[in-house]
Amino acid sequence: MTIDLYGGSHAAVEIEPAPGRWPEHEGADRISLPVALAGLALARAEAAAASRVRARLMALGLAIAAEPGDGWTRAVAGATLVPGEGPGDPRIVVQTVRSAVGPVPTLGRALPSSLALSAASAAAAAACLEGRDHNARLGAALAVEGLLGWYRLADPNLQPPQQALAYALHYAAARLEEAGRGVPADLAEAVAAHRQLSPMAGG
């Protein structure tokens, strides 16, 4: 997934699934990718920016869960989504790489700021979740809530972002079950992809 941020008011999102990945796994990916970006933002949050990143992601979770309307996409993205206008400032590329324990979100060698990553996660959420049903959007919102709880307690230096993502997805499914709602198939698939959930290190 490539997210181009243009001056804080516009963003472009391009998703390029691996050959054969979509449409079979599209729903799970559309939940996991923006949550993975949010996790990377929290993992990389510098002390000076940490409170702003957390506030941005708390607002993102609320916006995702809101009833869709004419302004839903803009409210979630915090920007207007536009077709790609060339490389943004910054351009953020996130990939998920297979591993023995589950998909690992990675930015390669790029070092975007945590604030840029939180903006990218919002744009990605708007692009990925637009048109999804209420339970799928609620699952994604709860996963963001799970990430915030994870990084409030866990030391990001002692646990990889993959484990934060795995915890967040499990947390979302558990919350939906506790509320008597069914776990959407897309969320259940995203949870199942993470085959190992370690204890919270540093918490």
N, C-alpha and C. Protein backbone atom coordinates (compact mmCIF):
# COMPACT_ATOMS: atom_id res chain seq x y z
N MET A 1 0.84 -1.18 0.00
CA MET A 1 0.00 0.00 0.00
C MET A 1 0.89 1.24 0.00
N THR A 2 0.54 2.20 -0.85
CA THR A 2 1.28 3.45 -0.93
C THR A 2 0.34 4.60 -0.57
N ILE A 3 0.76 5.43 0.37
CA ILE A 3 -0.02 6.59 0.77
C ILE A 3 0.82 7.83 0.51
N ASP A 4 0.29 8.73 -0.29
CA ASP A 4 0.93 10.01 -0.55
C ASP A 4 0.18 11.09 0.20
N LEU A 5 0.90 11.84 1.02
CA LEU A 5 0.30 12.94 1.77
C LEU A 5 0.69 14.26 1.11
N TYR A 6 -0.31 15.07 0.81
CA TYR A 6 -0.08 16.33 0.13
C TYR A 6 -0.48 17.49 1.04
N GLY A 7 0.48 18.01 1.77
CA GLY A 7 0.27 19.22 2.54
C GLY A 7 -0.74 19.14 3.67
N GLY A 8 -1.09 17.95 4.11
CA GLY A 8 -2.01 17.82 5.23
C GLY A 8 -3.47 17.95 4.88
N SER A 9 -3.80 18.36 3.66
CA SER A 9 -5.20 18.54 3.30
C SER A 9 -5.69 17.53 2.26
N HIS A 10 -4.76 16.88 1.57
CA HIS A 10 -5.10 15.89 0.54
C HIS A 10 -4.22 14.66 0.73
N ALA A 11 -4.75 13.53 0.33
CA ALA A 11 -4.00 12.28 0.40
C ALA A 11 -4.46 11.36 -0.71
N ALA A 12 -3.56 10.53 -1.17
CA ALA A 12 -3.89 9.51 -2.17
C ALA A 12 -3.47 8.15 -1.62
N VAL A 13 -4.29 7.14 -1.85
CA VAL A 13 -4.00 5.79 -1.36
C VAL A 13 -4.07 4.83 -2.53
N GLU A 14 -3.03 4.04 -2.69
CA GLU A 14 -3.00 3.02 -3.75
C GLU A 14 -2.68 1.68 -3.09
N ILE A 15 -3.51 0.70 -3.35
CA ILE A 15 -3.32 -0.64 -2.79
C ILE A 15 -2.96 -1.59 -3.92
N GLU A 16 -1.87 -2.28 -3.77
CA GLU A 16 -1.43 -3.23 -4.79
C GLU A 16 -1.24 -4.60 -4.13
N PRO A 17 -2.28 -5.44 -4.16
CA PRO A 17 -2.16 -6.75 -3.53
C PRO A 17 -1.20 -7.65 -4.28
N ALA A 18 -0.62 -8.59 -3.55
CA ALA A 18 0.23 -9.58 -4.19
C ALA A 18 -0.59 -10.41 -5.17
N PRO A 19 0.03 -10.90 -6.23
CA PRO A 19 -0.70 -11.70 -7.22
C PRO A 19 -1.47 -12.84 -6.56
N GLY A 20 -2.75 -12.95 -6.87
CA GLY A 20 -3.58 -14.01 -6.34
C GLY A 20 -4.13 -13.75 -4.95
N ARG A 21 -3.74 -12.63 -4.34
CA ARG A 21 -4.18 -12.34 -2.97
C ARG A 21 -5.65 -11.91 -2.93
N TRP A 22 -6.02 -11.05 -3.86
CA TRP A 22 -7.39 -10.56 -3.94
C TRP A 22 -8.09 -11.22 -5.12
N PRO A 23 -9.38 -11.45 -5.06
CA PRO A 23 -10.32 -10.94 -4.05
C PRO A 23 -10.49 -11.83 -2.82
N GLU A 24 -9.87 -13.00 -2.80
CA GLU A 24 -10.14 -13.95 -1.71
C GLU A 24 -9.86 -13.35 -0.34
N HIS A 25 -8.76 -12.62 -0.20
CA HIS A 25 -8.37 -12.11 1.12
C HIS A 25 -8.53 -10.60 1.23
N GLU A 26 -9.28 -10.02 0.33
CA GLU A 26 -9.39 -8.56 0.30
C GLU A 26 -9.99 -8.00 1.59
N GLY A 27 -11.06 -8.61 2.06
CA GLY A 27 -11.72 -8.10 3.26
C GLY A 27 -10.81 -8.07 4.47
N ALA A 28 -10.06 -9.15 4.69
CA ALA A 28 -9.14 -9.20 5.83
C ALA A 28 -8.04 -8.15 5.68
N ASP A 29 -7.54 -7.98 4.47
CA ASP A 29 -6.48 -7.00 4.24
C ASP A 29 -6.98 -5.58 4.48
N ARG A 30 -8.21 -5.31 4.11
CA ARG A 30 -8.75 -3.96 4.27
C ARG A 30 -8.94 -3.61 5.74
N ILE A 31 -9.07 -4.59 6.60
CA ILE A 31 -9.10 -4.32 8.04
C ILE A 31 -7.67 -4.22 8.58
N SER A 32 -6.81 -5.13 8.18
CA SER A 32 -5.47 -5.22 8.78
C SER A 32 -4.54 -4.08 8.39
N LEU A 33 -4.57 -3.64 7.12
CA LEU A 33 -3.58 -2.67 6.66
C LEU A 33 -3.62 -1.34 7.41
N PRO A 34 -4.79 -0.70 7.55
CA PRO A 34 -4.78 0.57 8.29
C PRO A 34 -4.44 0.38 9.76
N VAL A 35 -4.85 -0.76 10.34
CA VAL A 35 -4.51 -1.02 11.74
C VAL A 35 -3.00 -1.23 11.89
N ALA A 36 -2.40 -1.91 10.92
CA ALA A 36 -0.95 -2.10 10.95
C ALA A 36 -0.22 -0.77 10.90
N LEU A 37 -0.68 0.15 10.06
CA LEU A 37 -0.06 1.48 9.99
C LEU A 37 -0.21 2.24 11.31
N ALA A 38 -1.38 2.13 11.91
CA ALA A 38 -1.59 2.78 13.21
C ALA A 38 -0.63 2.21 14.25
N GLY A 39 -0.42 0.89 14.21
CA GLY A 39 0.52 0.26 15.14
C GLY A 39 1.94 0.74 14.92
N LEU A 40 2.34 0.90 13.68
CA LEU A 40 3.68 1.41 13.39
C LEU A 40 3.84 2.85 13.86
N ALA A 41 2.76 3.64 13.75
CA ALA A 41 2.82 5.02 14.25
C ALA A 41 3.05 5.04 15.75
N LEU A 42 2.35 4.18 16.47
CA LEU A 42 2.51 4.13 17.93
C LEU A 42 3.88 3.57 18.31
N ALA A 43 4.35 2.58 17.57
CA ALA A 43 5.64 1.97 17.89
C ALA A 43 6.78 2.96 17.70
N ARG A 44 6.62 3.87 16.74
CA ARG A 44 7.71 4.80 16.41
C ARG A 44 7.51 6.19 17.02
N ALA A 45 6.48 6.34 17.85
CA ALA A 45 6.16 7.66 18.36
C ALA A 45 7.28 8.22 19.23
N GLU A 46 7.82 9.35 18.81
CA GLU A 46 8.84 10.04 19.59
C GLU A 46 8.17 10.64 20.82
N ALA A 47 8.92 10.81 21.90
CA ALA A 47 8.35 11.30 23.15
C ALA A 47 7.58 12.61 22.94
N ALA A 48 8.15 13.50 22.13
CA ALA A 48 7.53 14.81 21.94
C ALA A 48 6.22 14.73 21.17
N ALA A 49 6.06 13.68 20.37
CA ALA A 49 4.88 13.56 19.52
C ALA A 49 3.89 12.52 20.01
N ALA A 50 4.24 11.76 21.04
CA ALA A 50 3.43 10.61 21.45
C ALA A 50 1.99 10.99 21.77
N SER A 51 1.78 12.07 22.51
CA SER A 51 0.41 12.44 22.89
C SER A 51 -0.41 12.85 21.67
N ARG A 52 0.22 13.51 20.70
CA ARG A 52 -0.49 13.91 19.48
C ARG A 52 -0.85 12.69 18.63
N VAL A 53 0.07 11.72 18.56
CA VAL A 53 -0.20 10.49 17.81
C VAL A 53 -1.37 9.74 18.45
N ARG A 54 -1.34 9.60 19.76
CA ARG A 54 -2.42 8.88 20.46
C ARG A 54 -3.75 9.59 20.26
N ALA A 55 -3.74 10.92 20.36
CA ALA A 55 -4.98 11.68 20.18
C ALA A 55 -5.52 11.49 18.76
N ARG A 56 -4.62 11.50 17.77
CA ARG A 56 -5.05 11.33 16.38
C ARG A 56 -5.67 9.96 16.18
N LEU A 57 -5.08 8.95 16.79
CA LEU A 57 -5.60 7.59 16.60
C LEU A 57 -6.87 7.35 17.41
N MET A 58 -7.01 7.99 18.56
CA MET A 58 -8.28 7.90 19.29
C MET A 58 -9.41 8.51 18.45
N ALA A 59 -9.13 9.67 17.84
CA ALA A 59 -10.13 10.29 16.97
C ALA A 59 -10.42 9.41 15.76
N LEU A 60 -9.40 8.73 15.25
CA LEU A 60 -9.59 7.84 14.10
C LEU A 60 -10.54 6.71 14.45
N GLY A 61 -10.34 6.08 15.60
CA GLY A 61 -11.22 4.98 16.00
C GLY A 61 -12.67 5.42 16.08
N LEU A 62 -12.91 6.59 16.66
CA LEU A 62 -14.28 7.11 16.76
C LEU A 62 -14.87 7.41 15.38
N ALA A 63 -14.05 7.97 14.50
CA ALA A 63 -14.54 8.31 13.17
C ALA A 63 -14.88 7.06 12.36
N ILE A 64 -14.06 6.02 12.47
CA ILE A 64 -14.32 4.77 11.75
C ILE A 64 -15.66 4.19 12.17
N ALA A 65 -15.94 4.22 13.48
CA ALA A 65 -17.15 3.59 14.01
C ALA A 65 -18.41 4.40 13.76
N ALA A 66 -18.27 5.67 13.37
CA ALA A 66 -19.43 6.53 13.16
C ALA A 66 -20.26 6.05 11.97
N GLU A 67 -21.55 6.39 12.02
CA GLU A 67 -22.42 6.03 10.90
C GLU A 67 -21.96 6.73 9.63
N PRO A 68 -21.90 6.02 8.52
CA PRO A 68 -21.42 6.65 7.28
C PRO A 68 -22.41 7.68 6.77
N GLY A 69 -21.88 8.71 6.21
CA GLY A 69 -22.69 9.76 5.60
C GLY A 69 -21.84 10.46 4.56
N ASP A 70 -22.30 11.60 4.10
CA ASP A 70 -21.57 12.31 3.05
C ASP A 70 -20.15 12.69 3.48
N GLY A 71 -19.95 12.96 4.77
CA GLY A 71 -18.64 13.40 5.23
C GLY A 71 -17.81 12.33 5.88
N TRP A 72 -18.25 11.05 5.80
CA TRP A 72 -17.55 10.00 6.55
C TRP A 72 -16.11 9.84 6.09
N THR A 73 -15.88 9.75 4.80
CA THR A 73 -14.53 9.52 4.29
C THR A 73 -13.59 10.65 4.71
N ARG A 74 -14.04 11.88 4.59
CA ARG A 74 -13.21 13.03 4.96
C ARG A 74 -12.94 13.04 6.46
N ALA A 75 -13.96 12.69 7.26
CA ALA A 75 -13.79 12.68 8.71
C ALA A 75 -12.77 11.63 9.13
N VAL A 76 -12.82 10.46 8.50
CA VAL A 76 -11.87 9.39 8.84
C VAL A 76 -10.47 9.74 8.38
N ALA A 77 -10.34 10.17 7.14
CA ALA A 77 -9.02 10.45 6.56
C ALA A 77 -8.38 11.69 7.16
N GLY A 78 -9.21 12.63 7.63
CA GLY A 78 -8.66 13.90 8.07
C GLY A 78 -8.13 14.71 6.91
N ALA A 79 -8.50 14.33 5.72
CA ALA A 79 -8.03 14.98 4.48
C ALA A 79 -8.97 14.54 3.37
N THR A 80 -8.87 15.18 2.25
CA THR A 80 -9.64 14.79 1.07
C THR A 80 -8.85 13.76 0.29
N LEU A 81 -9.47 12.62 0.01
CA LEU A 81 -8.80 11.60 -0.78
C LEU A 81 -8.89 11.96 -2.26
N VAL A 82 -7.76 11.91 -2.93
CA VAL A 82 -7.69 12.30 -4.34
C VAL A 82 -6.93 11.22 -5.11
N PRO A 83 -7.05 11.19 -6.44
CA PRO A 83 -6.18 10.29 -7.22
C PRO A 83 -4.72 10.72 -7.05
N GLY A 84 -3.82 9.79 -7.23
CA GLY A 84 -2.40 10.08 -7.06
C GLY A 84 -1.94 11.26 -7.92
N GLU A 85 -1.22 12.18 -7.32
CA GLU A 85 -0.70 13.35 -8.02
C GLU A 85 0.82 13.31 -8.08
N GLY A 86 1.39 12.12 -8.05
CA GLY A 86 2.84 12.01 -7.96
C GLY A 86 3.26 11.82 -6.51
N PRO A 87 4.54 11.64 -6.26
CA PRO A 87 5.02 11.39 -4.90
C PRO A 87 4.59 12.48 -3.94
N GLY A 88 4.08 12.06 -2.79
CA GLY A 88 3.67 13.01 -1.78
C GLY A 88 4.85 13.44 -0.93
N ASP A 89 4.54 14.26 0.06
CA ASP A 89 5.56 14.72 0.99
C ASP A 89 5.03 14.54 2.41
N PRO A 90 5.19 13.32 2.98
CA PRO A 90 5.98 12.22 2.43
C PRO A 90 5.13 11.22 1.63
N ARG A 91 5.82 10.29 1.01
CA ARG A 91 5.20 9.09 0.44
C ARG A 91 5.53 7.94 1.40
N ILE A 92 4.51 7.21 1.83
CA ILE A 92 4.69 6.12 2.80
C ILE A 92 4.26 4.82 2.14
N VAL A 93 5.12 3.84 2.15
CA VAL A 93 4.83 2.53 1.56
C VAL A 93 4.90 1.49 2.67
N VAL A 94 3.78 0.82 2.90
CA VAL A 94 3.73 -0.24 3.92
C VAL A 94 3.43 -1.56 3.22
N GLN A 95 4.12 -2.60 3.64
CA GLN A 95 3.90 -3.95 3.12
C GLN A 95 3.71 -4.90 4.28
N THR A 96 3.03 -5.99 4.01
CA THR A 96 2.97 -7.07 5.00
C THR A 96 3.75 -8.25 4.43
N VAL A 97 4.66 -8.75 5.24
CA VAL A 97 5.56 -9.83 4.84
C VAL A 97 5.21 -11.07 5.64
N ARG A 98 5.16 -12.20 4.96
CA ARG A 98 4.84 -13.44 5.66
C ARG A 98 5.94 -13.83 6.64
N SER A 99 5.53 -14.41 7.76
CA SER A 99 6.49 -14.96 8.72
C SER A 99 5.86 -16.18 9.38
N ALA A 100 6.63 -16.86 10.20
CA ALA A 100 6.13 -18.07 10.86
C ALA A 100 5.00 -17.77 11.83
N VAL A 101 4.95 -16.54 12.37
CA VAL A 101 3.93 -16.22 13.36
C VAL A 101 2.76 -15.44 12.78
N GLY A 102 2.93 -14.90 11.58
CA GLY A 102 1.85 -14.15 10.96
C GLY A 102 2.39 -13.00 10.14
N PRO A 103 1.51 -12.24 9.48
CA PRO A 103 1.95 -11.13 8.63
C PRO A 103 2.67 -10.05 9.43
N VAL A 104 3.81 -9.61 8.94
CA VAL A 104 4.62 -8.59 9.61
C VAL A 104 4.52 -7.28 8.82
N PRO A 105 4.00 -6.21 9.43
CA PRO A 105 3.95 -4.93 8.73
C PRO A 105 5.34 -4.29 8.70
N THR A 106 5.73 -3.77 7.55
CA THR A 106 7.06 -3.18 7.43
C THR A 106 7.02 -1.95 6.53
N LEU A 107 7.90 -1.01 6.83
CA LEU A 107 8.06 0.20 6.02
C LEU A 107 9.36 0.16 5.24
N GLY A 108 10.03 -0.98 5.25
CA GLY A 108 11.33 -1.07 4.59
C GLY A 108 12.33 -0.20 5.34
N ARG A 109 13.14 0.54 4.60
CA ARG A 109 14.16 1.38 5.23
C ARG A 109 13.70 2.82 5.44
N ALA A 110 12.48 3.11 5.07
CA ALA A 110 11.98 4.47 5.22
C ALA A 110 11.80 4.81 6.69
N LEU A 111 11.97 6.09 7.02
CA LEU A 111 11.85 6.55 8.40
C LEU A 111 10.89 7.73 8.51
N PRO A 112 9.63 7.55 8.11
CA PRO A 112 8.67 8.65 8.26
C PRO A 112 8.42 8.93 9.73
N SER A 113 8.01 10.14 10.04
CA SER A 113 7.71 10.48 11.43
C SER A 113 6.45 9.75 11.88
N SER A 114 6.29 9.64 13.19
CA SER A 114 5.10 8.98 13.73
C SER A 114 3.84 9.79 13.40
N LEU A 115 3.96 11.12 13.34
CA LEU A 115 2.80 11.94 12.97
C LEU A 115 2.40 11.68 11.52
N ALA A 116 3.38 11.54 10.64
CA ALA A 116 3.07 11.22 9.25
C ALA A 116 2.43 9.83 9.16
N LEU A 117 2.91 8.90 9.95
CA LEU A 117 2.33 7.55 9.94
C LEU A 117 0.90 7.56 10.45
N SER A 118 0.62 8.36 11.47
CA SER A 118 -0.75 8.41 11.98
C SER A 118 -1.68 9.03 10.92
N ALA A 119 -1.20 10.03 10.18
CA ALA A 119 -1.99 10.60 9.09
C ALA A 119 -2.19 9.58 7.98
N ALA A 120 -1.14 8.81 7.68
CA ALA A 120 -1.25 7.78 6.65
C ALA A 120 -2.23 6.69 7.05
N SER A 121 -2.24 6.32 8.34
CA SER A 121 -3.17 5.28 8.78
C SER A 121 -4.61 5.75 8.64
N ALA A 122 -4.85 7.05 8.89
CA ALA A 122 -6.20 7.60 8.73
C ALA A 122 -6.63 7.58 7.26
N ALA A 123 -5.74 7.99 6.37
CA ALA A 123 -6.06 7.96 4.94
C ALA A 123 -6.31 6.53 4.48
N ALA A 124 -5.47 5.61 4.95
CA ALA A 124 -5.63 4.20 4.57
C ALA A 124 -6.95 3.64 5.08
N ALA A 125 -7.33 4.01 6.31
CA ALA A 125 -8.59 3.52 6.88
C ALA A 125 -9.77 4.00 6.04
N ALA A 126 -9.75 5.27 5.64
CA ALA A 126 -10.84 5.80 4.83
C ALA A 126 -10.95 5.07 3.51
N ALA A 127 -9.80 4.83 2.87
CA ALA A 127 -9.81 4.16 1.57
C ALA A 127 -10.20 2.69 1.70
N CYS A 128 -9.72 2.04 2.73
CA CYS A 128 -9.95 0.60 2.88
C CYS A 128 -11.33 0.24 3.39
N LEU A 129 -11.91 1.11 4.23
CA LEU A 129 -13.14 0.74 4.94
C LEU A 129 -14.40 1.38 4.36
N GLU A 130 -14.23 2.29 3.42
CA GLU A 130 -15.40 2.91 2.80
C GLU A 130 -16.26 1.83 2.14
N GLY A 131 -17.54 1.85 2.46
CA GLY A 131 -18.46 0.87 1.87
C GLY A 131 -18.54 -0.44 2.61
N ARG A 132 -17.68 -0.65 3.60
CA ARG A 132 -17.75 -1.88 4.39
C ARG A 132 -18.93 -1.81 5.36
N ASP A 133 -19.44 -2.97 5.77
CA ASP A 133 -20.60 -2.94 6.65
C ASP A 133 -20.21 -2.51 8.07
N HIS A 134 -21.23 -2.25 8.88
CA HIS A 134 -21.00 -1.65 10.21
C HIS A 134 -20.11 -2.53 11.08
N ASN A 135 -20.34 -3.85 11.06
CA ASN A 135 -19.54 -4.73 11.92
C ASN A 135 -18.07 -4.74 11.52
N ALA A 136 -17.79 -4.69 10.22
CA ALA A 136 -16.40 -4.65 9.77
C ALA A 136 -15.73 -3.36 10.22
N ARG A 137 -16.45 -2.23 10.06
CA ARG A 137 -15.88 -0.95 10.50
C ARG A 137 -15.73 -0.90 12.01
N LEU A 138 -16.71 -1.44 12.73
CA LEU A 138 -16.60 -1.47 14.18
C LEU A 138 -15.42 -2.34 14.62
N GLY A 139 -15.21 -3.46 13.92
CA GLY A 139 -14.06 -4.31 14.23
C GLY A 139 -12.75 -3.57 14.05
N ALA A 140 -12.63 -2.80 12.97
CA ALA A 140 -11.41 -2.01 12.74
C ALA A 140 -11.23 -0.95 13.81
N ALA A 141 -12.34 -0.29 14.19
CA ALA A 141 -12.27 0.73 15.24
C ALA A 141 -11.82 0.12 16.57
N LEU A 142 -12.34 -1.04 16.90
CA LEU A 142 -11.96 -1.71 18.14
C LEU A 142 -10.51 -2.18 18.10
N ALA A 143 -10.04 -2.55 16.91
CA ALA A 143 -8.63 -2.93 16.78
C ALA A 143 -7.72 -1.73 17.05
N VAL A 144 -8.11 -0.55 16.60
CA VAL A 144 -7.34 0.66 16.92
C VAL A 144 -7.35 0.89 18.43
N GLU A 145 -8.50 0.70 19.05
CA GLU A 145 -8.59 0.81 20.51
C GLU A 145 -7.65 -0.18 21.19
N GLY A 146 -7.61 -1.41 20.66
CA GLY A 146 -6.71 -2.42 21.21
C GLY A 146 -5.25 -2.02 21.09
N LEU A 147 -4.88 -1.40 19.96
CA LEU A 147 -3.50 -0.92 19.80
C LEU A 147 -3.16 0.14 20.84
N LEU A 148 -4.07 1.07 21.07
CA LEU A 148 -3.83 2.12 22.04
C LEU A 148 -3.61 1.52 23.43
N GLY A 149 -4.40 0.51 23.77
CA GLY A 149 -4.21 -0.16 25.05
C GLY A 149 -2.88 -0.90 25.12
N TRP A 150 -2.53 -1.56 24.03
CA TRP A 150 -1.26 -2.31 23.98
C TRP A 150 -0.08 -1.39 24.21
N TYR A 151 -0.03 -0.29 23.46
CA TYR A 151 1.13 0.60 23.55
C TYR A 151 1.10 1.50 24.78
N ARG A 152 -0.02 1.50 25.51
CA ARG A 152 -0.03 2.19 26.80
C ARG A 152 0.74 1.38 27.84
N LEU A 153 0.80 0.06 27.63
CA LEU A 153 1.40 -0.82 28.63
C LEU A 153 2.69 -1.49 28.17
N ALA A 154 2.77 -1.83 26.89
CA ALA A 154 3.91 -2.61 26.41
C ALA A 154 5.07 -1.70 26.00
N ASP A 155 6.26 -2.22 26.12
CA ASP A 155 7.46 -1.52 25.66
C ASP A 155 7.67 -1.87 24.19
N PRO A 156 7.58 -0.90 23.27
CA PRO A 156 7.72 -1.23 21.85
C PRO A 156 9.09 -1.75 21.49
N ASN A 157 10.08 -1.53 22.35
CA ASN A 157 11.43 -2.05 22.08
C ASN A 157 11.55 -3.54 22.38
N LEU A 158 10.56 -4.08 23.10
CA LEU A 158 10.63 -5.48 23.50
C LEU A 158 9.68 -6.38 22.74
N GLN A 159 8.86 -5.81 21.87
CA GLN A 159 7.85 -6.61 21.15
C GLN A 159 7.70 -6.05 19.74
N PRO A 160 7.70 -6.90 18.73
CA PRO A 160 7.58 -6.41 17.35
C PRO A 160 6.17 -5.91 17.04
N PRO A 161 6.05 -5.02 16.05
CA PRO A 161 4.72 -4.52 15.67
C PRO A 161 3.75 -5.63 15.27
N GLN A 162 4.26 -6.73 14.77
CA GLN A 162 3.37 -7.84 14.40
C GLN A 162 2.57 -8.31 15.61
N GLN A 163 3.19 -8.35 16.77
CA GLN A 163 2.49 -8.81 17.96
C GLN A 163 1.45 -7.80 18.43
N ALA A 164 1.76 -6.52 18.26
CA ALA A 164 0.77 -5.49 18.59
C ALA A 164 -0.45 -5.63 17.69
N LEU A 165 -0.21 -5.86 16.39
CA LEU A 165 -1.30 -6.04 15.44
C LEU A 165 -2.11 -7.29 15.79
N ALA A 166 -1.43 -8.38 16.10
CA ALA A 166 -2.12 -9.61 16.46
C ALA A 166 -3.01 -9.39 17.69
N TYR A 167 -2.46 -8.72 18.70
CA TYR A 167 -3.24 -8.44 19.91
C TYR A 167 -4.46 -7.59 19.57
N ALA A 168 -4.25 -6.54 18.77
CA ALA A 168 -5.34 -5.63 18.45
C ALA A 168 -6.48 -6.33 17.74
N LEU A 169 -6.16 -7.21 16.80
CA LEU A 169 -7.20 -7.94 16.07
C LEU A 169 -7.93 -8.92 16.99
N HIS A 170 -7.18 -9.63 17.84
CA HIS A 170 -7.81 -10.52 18.82
C HIS A 170 -8.72 -9.72 19.77
N TYR A 171 -8.24 -8.58 20.20
CA TYR A 171 -9.01 -7.72 21.11
C TYR A 171 -10.33 -7.31 20.46
N ALA A 172 -10.28 -6.90 19.20
CA ALA A 172 -11.49 -6.48 18.50
C ALA A 172 -12.51 -7.61 18.42
N ALA A 173 -12.04 -8.80 18.06
CA ALA A 173 -12.95 -9.94 17.96
C ALA A 173 -13.57 -10.27 19.32
N ALA A 174 -12.75 -10.21 20.38
CA ALA A 174 -13.25 -10.51 21.72
C ALA A 174 -14.30 -9.50 22.16
N ARG A 175 -14.06 -8.22 21.87
CA ARG A 175 -15.01 -7.18 22.25
C ARG A 175 -16.35 -7.36 21.53
N LEU A 176 -16.29 -7.70 20.25
CA LEU A 176 -17.53 -7.94 19.51
C LEU A 176 -18.30 -9.12 20.08
N GLU A 177 -17.59 -10.17 20.43
CA GLU A 177 -18.25 -11.34 21.01
C GLU A 177 -18.87 -11.01 22.36
N GLU A 178 -18.15 -10.24 23.18
CA GLU A 178 -18.67 -9.84 24.49
C GLU A 178 -19.95 -9.02 24.35
N ALA A 179 -20.03 -8.25 23.28
CA ALA A 179 -21.20 -7.40 23.05
C ALA A 179 -22.35 -8.18 22.39
N GLY A 180 -22.14 -9.46 22.14
CA GLY A 180 -23.18 -10.27 21.52
C GLY A 180 -23.29 -10.09 20.03
N ARG A 181 -22.27 -9.49 19.43
CA ARG A 181 -22.26 -9.33 17.97
C ARG A 181 -21.45 -10.47 17.35
N GLY A 182 -21.80 -10.83 16.16
CA GLY A 182 -20.98 -11.81 15.47
C GLY A 182 -19.67 -11.20 15.02
N VAL A 183 -18.62 -12.00 14.98
CA VAL A 183 -17.34 -11.54 14.47
C VAL A 183 -17.38 -11.63 12.95
N PRO A 184 -17.19 -10.53 12.24
CA PRO A 184 -17.25 -10.59 10.78
C PRO A 184 -16.22 -11.57 10.23
N ALA A 185 -16.56 -12.23 9.14
CA ALA A 185 -15.65 -13.22 8.55
C ALA A 185 -14.31 -12.60 8.20
N ASP A 186 -14.32 -11.35 7.72
CA ASP A 186 -13.06 -10.70 7.35
C ASP A 186 -12.16 -10.50 8.57
N LEU A 187 -12.75 -10.10 9.69
CA LEU A 187 -11.97 -9.92 10.92
C LEU A 187 -11.49 -11.28 11.43
N ALA A 188 -12.34 -12.29 11.38
CA ALA A 188 -11.94 -13.62 11.84
C ALA A 188 -10.76 -14.14 11.02
N GLU A 189 -10.76 -13.87 9.71
CA GLU A 189 -9.63 -14.30 8.87
C GLU A 189 -8.36 -13.54 9.25
N ALA A 190 -8.50 -12.24 9.50
CA ALA A 190 -7.34 -11.44 9.89
C ALA A 190 -6.76 -11.93 11.21
N VAL A 191 -7.62 -12.29 12.15
CA VAL A 191 -7.16 -12.83 13.44
C VAL A 191 -6.43 -14.14 13.23
N ALA A 192 -7.01 -15.03 12.43
CA ALA A 192 -6.44 -16.36 12.23
C ALA A 192 -5.08 -16.32 11.55
N ALA A 193 -4.81 -15.25 10.80
CA ALA A 193 -3.53 -15.15 10.11
C ALA A 193 -2.36 -14.99 11.08
N HIS A 194 -2.65 -14.51 12.29
CA HIS A 194 -1.61 -14.32 13.30
C HIS A 194 -1.64 -15.54 14.23
N ARG A 195 -0.73 -16.45 13.97
CA ARG A 195 -0.79 -17.76 14.61
C ARG A 195 -0.18 -17.79 16.01
N GLN A 196 0.46 -16.73 16.43
CA GLN A 196 1.08 -16.73 17.75
C GLN A 196 0.84 -15.39 18.41
N LEU A 197 0.40 -15.42 19.65
CA LEU A 197 0.19 -14.21 20.43
C LEU A 197 0.99 -14.33 21.71
N SER A 198 2.06 -13.54 21.81
CA SER A 198 2.95 -13.62 22.95
C SER A 198 2.43 -12.77 24.11
N PRO A 199 2.86 -13.07 25.34
CA PRO A 199 2.53 -12.20 26.45
C PRO A 199 3.06 -10.79 26.19
N MET A 200 2.41 -9.80 26.78
CA MET A 200 2.80 -8.41 26.56
C MET A 200 4.12 -8.12 27.25
N ALA A 201 5.16 -7.97 26.47
CA ALA A 201 6.49 -7.72 27.03
C ALA A 201 6.62 -6.28 27.47
N GLY A 202 7.16 -6.08 28.66
CA GLY A 202 7.40 -4.73 29.16
C GLY A 202 6.18 -4.12 29.79
N GLY A 203 5.05 -4.86 29.84
CA GLY A 203 3.83 -4.31 30.41
C GLY A 203 3.68 -4.65 31.87
